[in-house]
Amino acid sequence: MRRIVLWMLLCGWLIAPPNRAQQPQQPEEPPAVRIGVTVENVVAPVLVFDKDGSYVNNIRPDQFHLYDNSKEQNIAVDVVYQPISLVIAIQANSHVEQLLPHVQKIGNLITPLLIGDQGEAALIAYDARIRVLQDFTSDPDKITQQVKKIYPGSTSNRLIDAVVEGTRMLSTRPKNRRRILIAIGETRDVGSEGRSRETLLGLQFANVLFYGVDMSRFMNVLMAPQPVPRSDNLPPAMHPMPSGVPATPTTVAQMYGLNGGRAEFIPMMVEVFKDVKAIFKDNPIEVFTKGTGGSEFGFHGLHSLEEAIQKAGEELHSQYTISYNPNNKDEGGFHHIIVQVGGHPEVDRVQTRPGYWLAPK
């Protein structure tokens, strides 16, 4: 009998619910989130000019010297032609409807002027949507056909999001190809979810060289279909603004173009990287070109657009490509790049990307 009683007590203790008051559950702490950028190989596109502004193309690899935060690096200078992978992002909203017919005629220029015989290209159109019209192809006819099919959409202009998508596409290409992204459109962004700072970090991390072929905003304003005017009775605080940007009359005017307001300031690249909040800038194209070592070209018609494409192609095929594995990865923050050319009498100045951001360890 005693054994039966002990057995019943033991079973009752096992099946009884635990006393939650005596064993309080500790709330789980969310894991710490750390965003870092690891750089294994830095690619610096370099242009060398003489006193007349012409390209200098006969420089030996041993004449280049690259300094990363004032520390000379062991570099590799590619003297063999590298095939190009190109993404072309074209603005296709209602605001540029009058200029799109000119853009639709450039498809046959992409292969001979930009990517060459061994290159490949992909095509993106953007307004409120990001549409991949053509994945990477070496067939120039496919690009030409898709460019002709671009049609104007909504009033949004998700430029930054299109750059994010183009960077993602280029990051899948082989490392032995030069990764180029060209945006054809206005220099402003309306409606993107991405931010300039993070997008620039993505471009640099994927070693993408960015070019802007800017549509004339003045011509677009003159030729764009006029929307039905509606009075804006909302106070500034009720206008949606980018994160970290206060809704004041000035910032709202810069964001929405009220009263012709426009942001015209060029922050130093170091300050762009230091700002941990959203960068409010009216011209993200400038941030991306300067941050990657590319260039901006403007156009307002077919002839000037063809000239811009030709200039971009000349620059692409006149660049030297320098790559290196930094010997100072322990230095977090912005790494300033300087390229010098020694022992060459024709060299007047050298152009390359200003640097890159390296997360502290």
Protein backbone atom coordinates (compact mmCIF):
# COMPACT_ATOMS: atom_id res chain seq x y z
CA MET A 1 0.00 0.00 0.00
CA ARG A 2 2.80 2.39 0.85
CA ARG A 3 4.35 1.78 -2.54
CA ILE A 4 1.06 2.52 -4.30
CA VAL A 5 0.69 5.83 -2.45
CA LEU A 6 4.24 6.87 -3.29
CA TRP A 7 3.65 5.93 -6.91
CA MET A 8 0.47 8.04 -7.11
CA LEU A 9 2.21 11.04 -5.53
CA LEU A 10 5.06 10.77 -7.98
CA CYS A 11 2.74 10.62 -11.00
CA GLY A 12 0.76 13.59 -9.74
CA TRP A 13 3.93 15.65 -9.42
CA LEU A 14 5.00 14.77 -12.97
CA ILE A 15 1.73 15.65 -14.66
CA ALA A 16 0.97 18.73 -12.57
CA PRO A 17 1.48 22.05 -14.41
CA PRO A 18 4.55 23.95 -13.29
CA ASN A 19 4.13 26.87 -10.96
CA ARG A 20 4.64 29.82 -13.32
CA ALA A 21 4.82 32.23 -10.43
CA GLN A 22 7.88 30.47 -9.12
CA GLN A 23 9.44 30.12 -12.60
CA PRO A 24 8.90 33.43 -14.38
CA GLN A 25 9.82 33.44 -18.05
CA GLN A 26 12.49 35.95 -18.91
CA PRO A 27 11.73 38.03 -22.01
CA GLU A 28 14.04 37.23 -24.89
CA GLU A 29 16.28 40.08 -25.88
CA PRO A 30 16.42 40.74 -29.61
CA PRO A 31 19.82 40.01 -31.09
CA ALA A 32 21.97 43.03 -31.81
CA VAL A 33 21.95 44.05 -35.45
CA ARG A 34 25.25 45.09 -36.96
CA ILE A 35 25.60 46.31 -40.48
CA GLY A 36 29.06 45.91 -41.93
CA VAL A 37 30.77 46.05 -45.29
CA THR A 38 33.62 43.69 -46.00
CA VAL A 39 35.98 44.70 -48.77
CA GLU A 40 38.16 42.02 -50.31
CA ASN A 41 39.02 43.65 -53.60
CA VAL A 42 38.69 47.32 -54.52
CA VAL A 43 38.36 48.30 -58.17
CA ALA A 44 39.24 51.87 -59.14
CA PRO A 45 38.50 53.04 -62.71
CA VAL A 46 41.08 55.64 -63.71
CA LEU A 47 41.08 58.30 -66.41
CA VAL A 48 44.28 60.17 -67.24
CA PHE A 49 44.19 63.55 -69.00
CA ASP A 50 46.79 65.79 -70.61
CA LYS A 51 46.80 69.59 -70.44
CA ASP A 52 44.33 69.84 -73.33
CA GLY A 53 41.82 67.56 -71.60
CA SER A 54 42.45 64.64 -73.94
CA TYR A 55 42.84 61.07 -72.74
CA VAL A 56 46.34 59.66 -72.25
CA ASN A 57 46.31 56.02 -73.32
CA ASN A 58 49.95 54.89 -73.42
CA ILE A 59 50.79 54.57 -69.72
CA ARG A 60 52.65 51.52 -68.43
CA PRO A 61 51.25 49.64 -65.40
CA ASP A 62 54.39 50.32 -63.35
CA GLN A 63 53.86 54.07 -63.68
CA PHE A 64 50.66 53.98 -61.60
CA HIS A 65 50.76 54.46 -57.83
CA LEU A 66 47.65 54.17 -55.67
CA TYR A 67 47.35 55.39 -52.08
CA ASP A 68 44.59 54.25 -49.75
CA ASN A 69 44.41 56.58 -46.73
CA SER A 70 47.96 57.71 -47.64
CA LYS A 71 49.23 54.09 -47.64
CA GLU A 72 50.61 52.87 -50.96
CA GLN A 73 48.98 49.67 -52.18
CA ASN A 74 50.14 46.69 -54.18
CA ILE A 75 48.01 47.17 -57.30
CA ALA A 76 47.16 45.29 -60.46
CA VAL A 77 46.58 47.33 -63.63
CA ASP A 78 44.57 45.54 -66.28
CA VAL A 79 46.09 46.11 -69.71
CA VAL A 80 43.95 43.46 -71.39
CA TYR A 81 40.46 44.47 -72.52
CA GLN A 82 37.77 43.35 -70.09
CA PRO A 83 34.30 42.65 -71.49
CA ILE A 84 31.53 44.92 -70.24
CA SER A 85 28.29 44.06 -68.48
CA LEU A 86 25.97 47.03 -68.77
CA VAL A 87 22.59 47.86 -67.24
CA ILE A 88 20.70 50.77 -68.81
CA ALA A 89 17.98 52.26 -66.61
CA ILE A 90 15.59 54.59 -68.46
CA GLN A 91 13.06 56.88 -66.85
CA ALA A 92 9.65 56.17 -68.34
CA ASN A 93 7.11 58.33 -66.54
CA SER A 94 4.62 60.87 -67.87
CA HIS A 95 6.94 63.77 -67.10
CA VAL A 96 9.42 62.78 -69.83
CA GLU A 97 6.87 61.72 -72.42
CA GLN A 98 8.13 64.24 -74.98
CA LEU A 99 11.75 63.09 -74.73
CA LEU A 100 11.09 59.34 -74.85
CA PRO A 101 10.90 59.25 -78.69
CA HIS A 102 14.53 60.43 -78.75
CA VAL A 103 15.55 57.77 -76.20
CA GLN A 104 13.82 55.06 -78.25
CA LYS A 105 16.25 55.70 -81.12
CA ILE A 106 19.47 54.94 -79.24
CA GLY A 107 19.18 51.14 -79.13
CA ASN A 108 21.45 50.65 -82.14
CA LEU A 109 24.19 52.78 -80.49
CA ILE A 110 24.58 50.65 -77.37
CA THR A 111 26.66 47.84 -78.84
CA PRO A 112 29.12 49.80 -81.04
CA LEU A 113 29.64 52.71 -78.62
CA LEU A 114 29.23 51.21 -75.15
CA ILE A 115 29.62 47.45 -74.74
CA GLY A 116 31.63 46.37 -77.81
CA ASP A 117 31.62 42.96 -79.45
CA GLN A 118 32.14 40.90 -76.27
CA GLY A 119 29.80 42.89 -74.07
CA GLU A 120 26.31 42.28 -72.78
CA ALA A 121 23.51 44.63 -71.77
CA ALA A 122 20.26 44.60 -69.80
CA LEU A 123 17.43 47.13 -69.81
CA ILE A 124 15.30 48.60 -66.99
CA ALA A 125 12.43 51.09 -67.28
CA TYR A 126 11.21 52.90 -64.18
CA ASP A 127 8.40 55.15 -63.06
CA ALA A 128 6.28 53.93 -60.11
CA ARG A 129 7.37 50.43 -61.17
CA ILE A 130 10.77 48.89 -61.78
CA ARG A 131 10.43 46.86 -64.98
CA VAL A 132 13.24 44.62 -66.24
CA LEU A 133 12.46 44.77 -69.95
CA GLN A 134 15.48 42.74 -71.05
CA ASP A 135 17.85 40.56 -69.06
CA PHE A 136 21.53 40.40 -70.02
CA THR A 137 22.01 39.64 -73.68
CA SER A 138 24.73 40.01 -76.30
CA ASP A 139 22.14 40.35 -79.07
CA PRO A 140 21.94 44.06 -80.00
CA ASP A 141 18.61 43.56 -81.78
CA LYS A 142 16.90 42.52 -78.54
CA ILE A 143 18.04 45.71 -76.80
CA THR A 144 17.00 47.85 -79.75
CA GLN A 145 13.54 46.27 -79.86
CA GLN A 146 12.94 46.65 -76.12
CA VAL A 147 14.07 50.29 -76.08
CA LYS A 148 11.53 51.05 -78.81
CA LYS A 149 8.76 49.53 -76.67
CA ILE A 150 9.25 51.85 -73.69
CA TYR A 151 6.13 53.89 -72.98
CA PRO A 152 5.41 56.62 -70.41
CA GLY A 153 3.76 55.58 -67.17
CA SER A 154 2.83 57.31 -63.93
CA THR A 155 4.22 60.52 -62.45
CA SER A 156 6.55 58.75 -60.00
CA ASN A 157 10.28 58.58 -60.66
CA ARG A 158 11.85 55.77 -58.61
CA LEU A 159 15.39 56.46 -59.78
CA ILE A 160 17.13 55.21 -56.63
CA ASP A 161 15.15 51.96 -56.58
CA ALA A 162 16.04 51.39 -60.25
CA VAL A 163 19.73 51.82 -59.38
CA VAL A 164 19.33 49.31 -56.55
CA GLU A 165 17.82 46.78 -58.97
CA GLY A 166 20.51 47.42 -61.58
CA THR A 167 23.22 46.94 -58.96
CA ARG A 168 21.66 43.66 -57.89
CA MET A 169 21.64 42.44 -61.50
CA LEU A 170 25.27 43.45 -62.07
CA SER A 171 26.42 41.79 -58.85
CA THR A 172 25.56 38.42 -60.42
CA ARG A 173 27.92 38.92 -63.37
CA PRO A 174 31.40 37.32 -63.40
CA LYS A 175 34.14 39.28 -61.64
CA ASN A 176 36.27 39.41 -64.78
CA ARG A 177 33.70 41.71 -66.42
CA ARG A 178 33.48 45.47 -65.98
CA ARG A 179 30.17 46.36 -64.36
CA ILE A 180 28.59 49.55 -65.70
CA LEU A 181 25.24 51.15 -64.89
CA ILE A 182 23.90 54.04 -66.98
CA ALA A 183 20.79 55.95 -65.91
CA ILE A 184 18.98 58.00 -68.56
CA GLY A 185 16.49 60.36 -66.97
CA GLU A 186 16.04 63.32 -64.67
CA THR A 187 18.39 63.87 -61.76
CA ARG A 188 15.66 63.88 -59.13
CA ASP A 189 13.94 61.00 -57.39
CA VAL A 190 10.23 60.86 -56.57
CA GLY A 191 8.85 57.87 -54.68
CA SER A 192 11.81 55.53 -54.07
CA GLU A 193 12.00 53.38 -50.97
CA GLY A 194 15.80 53.24 -51.09
CA ARG A 195 18.17 55.95 -49.92
CA SER A 196 21.16 57.52 -51.63
CA ARG A 197 23.70 56.52 -48.98
CA GLU A 198 22.85 52.81 -48.88
CA THR A 199 22.52 52.71 -52.66
CA LEU A 200 25.98 54.23 -53.10
CA LEU A 201 27.41 51.68 -50.67
CA GLY A 202 25.84 48.92 -52.78
CA LEU A 203 27.34 50.34 -55.97
CA GLN A 204 30.79 50.51 -54.44
CA PHE A 205 30.60 47.10 -52.80
CA ALA A 206 29.66 45.53 -56.16
CA ASN A 207 32.38 47.55 -57.96
CA VAL A 208 29.82 49.16 -60.28
CA LEU A 209 30.76 52.26 -62.29
CA PHE A 210 27.83 54.65 -62.60
CA TYR A 211 27.06 57.10 -65.41
CA GLY A 212 24.24 59.62 -65.59
CA VAL A 213 22.78 60.81 -68.89
CA ASP A 214 20.56 63.59 -67.62
CA MET A 215 17.35 64.68 -69.31
CA SER A 216 16.95 68.45 -69.33
CA ARG A 217 14.58 69.23 -66.49
CA PHE A 218 13.89 72.62 -68.03
CA MET A 219 12.76 71.07 -71.31
CA ASN A 220 10.66 68.51 -69.45
CA VAL A 221 8.86 71.25 -67.56
CA LEU A 222 8.11 73.05 -70.82
CA MET A 223 6.96 69.99 -72.75
CA ALA A 224 5.41 67.78 -70.06
CA PRO A 225 1.61 67.52 -70.09
CA GLN A 226 0.21 69.94 -67.56
CA PRO A 227 -1.62 68.29 -64.68
CA VAL A 228 -4.94 69.63 -63.50
CA PRO A 229 -3.99 72.34 -60.99
CA ARG A 230 -5.09 71.66 -57.45
CA SER A 231 -4.42 73.91 -54.53
CA ASP A 232 -2.18 72.52 -51.81
CA ASN A 233 -3.92 73.42 -48.58
CA LEU A 234 -2.02 71.00 -46.38
CA PRO A 235 0.38 72.43 -43.80
CA PRO A 236 4.08 71.49 -44.27
CA ALA A 237 3.97 68.98 -41.40
CA MET A 238 1.43 66.83 -43.31
CA HIS A 239 3.65 66.33 -46.37
CA PRO A 240 5.47 62.97 -46.41
CA MET A 241 9.22 63.49 -46.33
CA PRO A 242 12.26 61.15 -46.29
CA SER A 243 13.27 59.75 -42.93
CA GLY A 244 15.10 62.30 -40.80
CA VAL A 245 14.07 65.30 -42.93
CA PRO A 246 11.82 67.82 -41.15
CA ALA A 247 8.76 68.96 -43.10
CA THR A 248 9.40 72.69 -43.33
CA PRO A 249 8.26 75.05 -46.12
CA THR A 250 11.79 74.98 -47.56
CA THR A 251 12.24 71.18 -47.57
CA VAL A 252 8.72 70.63 -48.89
CA ALA A 253 9.42 73.07 -51.75
CA GLN A 254 12.66 71.23 -52.54
CA MET A 255 10.96 67.84 -52.40
CA TYR A 256 7.82 68.67 -54.37
CA GLY A 257 9.09 71.47 -56.62
CA LEU A 258 6.72 74.07 -55.18
CA ASN A 259 7.49 77.62 -56.29
CA GLY A 260 10.35 76.33 -58.38
CA GLY A 261 12.36 75.37 -55.30
CA ARG A 262 15.37 73.16 -55.91
CA ALA A 263 18.17 71.87 -53.72
CA GLU A 264 21.54 72.92 -55.14
CA PHE A 265 24.24 71.81 -52.76
CA ILE A 266 27.14 69.42 -53.14
CA PRO A 267 28.09 67.76 -49.85
CA MET A 268 31.56 66.36 -49.51
CA MET A 269 31.68 62.62 -50.16
CA VAL A 270 33.03 62.03 -46.67
CA GLU A 271 29.98 63.71 -45.19
CA VAL A 272 27.69 61.52 -47.29
CA PHE A 273 29.17 58.44 -45.67
CA LYS A 274 29.32 59.88 -42.17
CA ASP A 275 25.60 60.71 -42.11
CA VAL A 276 23.86 57.72 -40.56
CA LYS A 277 20.44 59.13 -41.41
CA ALA A 278 18.82 59.53 -44.81
CA ILE A 279 20.63 61.89 -47.15
CA PHE A 280 18.20 64.42 -48.57
CA LYS A 281 19.63 65.49 -51.89
CA ASP A 282 17.91 66.74 -55.00
CA ASN A 283 20.46 65.11 -57.31
CA PRO A 284 21.25 61.48 -56.39
CA ILE A 285 22.83 61.09 -59.85
CA GLU A 286 25.65 63.35 -58.69
CA VAL A 287 26.20 61.27 -55.56
CA PHE A 288 26.42 58.04 -57.58
CA THR A 289 28.69 59.37 -60.34
CA LYS A 290 31.14 61.07 -57.99
CA GLY A 291 31.08 58.16 -55.56
CA THR A 292 31.98 55.55 -58.18
CA GLY A 293 34.25 57.58 -60.46
CA GLY A 294 31.75 57.96 -63.30
CA SER A 295 30.55 61.05 -65.16
CA GLU A 296 27.40 62.99 -65.93
CA PHE A 297 26.29 64.03 -69.40
CA GLY A 298 23.24 66.11 -70.27
CA PHE A 299 20.91 66.17 -73.27
CA HIS A 300 17.78 67.92 -74.47
CA GLY A 301 17.24 66.31 -77.87
CA LEU A 302 18.29 63.44 -80.12
CA HIS A 303 21.56 64.98 -81.31
CA SER A 304 22.76 65.85 -77.80
CA LEU A 305 21.66 62.41 -76.56
CA GLU A 306 23.74 60.69 -79.23
CA GLU A 307 26.69 62.90 -78.28
CA ALA A 308 26.27 61.96 -74.62
CA ILE A 309 26.23 58.23 -75.44
CA GLN A 310 29.33 58.69 -77.61
CA LYS A 311 31.20 60.56 -74.85
CA ALA A 312 30.30 57.90 -72.31
CA GLY A 313 31.59 55.22 -74.68
CA GLU A 314 34.85 57.09 -75.29
CA GLU A 315 35.39 57.42 -71.57
CA LEU A 316 34.64 53.75 -70.89
CA HIS A 317 37.14 52.62 -73.52
CA SER A 318 39.83 55.06 -72.34
CA GLN A 319 39.85 53.95 -68.71
CA TYR A 320 42.53 52.04 -66.88
CA THR A 321 41.23 49.55 -64.33
CA ILE A 322 43.22 49.29 -61.10
CA SER A 323 42.39 46.66 -58.50
CA TYR A 324 43.93 45.89 -55.13
CA ASN A 325 43.38 44.15 -51.82
CA PRO A 326 43.71 46.88 -49.16
CA ASN A 327 46.55 46.41 -46.69
CA ASN A 328 44.80 48.62 -44.12
CA LYS A 329 41.45 46.91 -43.59
CA ASP A 330 41.75 47.49 -39.86
CA GLU A 331 40.99 51.18 -40.48
CA GLY A 332 37.24 51.64 -40.34
CA GLY A 333 35.36 54.53 -41.93
CA PHE A 334 35.94 56.35 -45.19
CA HIS A 335 39.04 55.29 -47.16
CA HIS A 336 40.34 58.05 -49.41
CA ILE A 337 41.86 56.91 -52.73
CA ILE A 338 44.54 58.86 -54.61
CA VAL A 339 46.08 57.68 -57.88
CA GLN A 340 49.27 59.19 -59.22
CA VAL A 341 51.19 58.63 -62.46
CA GLY A 342 54.94 59.04 -62.44
CA GLY A 343 57.47 59.42 -65.21
CA HIS A 344 55.05 60.42 -67.96
CA PRO A 345 55.43 63.91 -69.46
CA GLU A 346 51.91 64.14 -70.95
CA VAL A 347 49.98 63.56 -67.70
CA ASP A 348 48.25 66.61 -66.27
CA ARG A 349 45.56 65.15 -63.98
CA VAL A 350 44.09 61.82 -62.90
CA GLN A 351 40.44 61.03 -62.19
CA THR A 352 39.19 58.09 -60.13
CA ARG A 353 36.62 57.30 -57.48
CA PRO A 354 37.14 59.34 -54.28
CA GLY A 355 37.13 56.34 -51.98
CA TYR A 356 34.92 53.78 -50.29
CA TRP A 357 33.40 53.03 -46.92
CA LEU A 358 34.72 50.24 -44.73
CA ALA A 359 32.80 49.24 -41.63
CA PRO A 360 34.88 49.24 -38.42
CA LYS A 361 35.66 45.85 -36.95
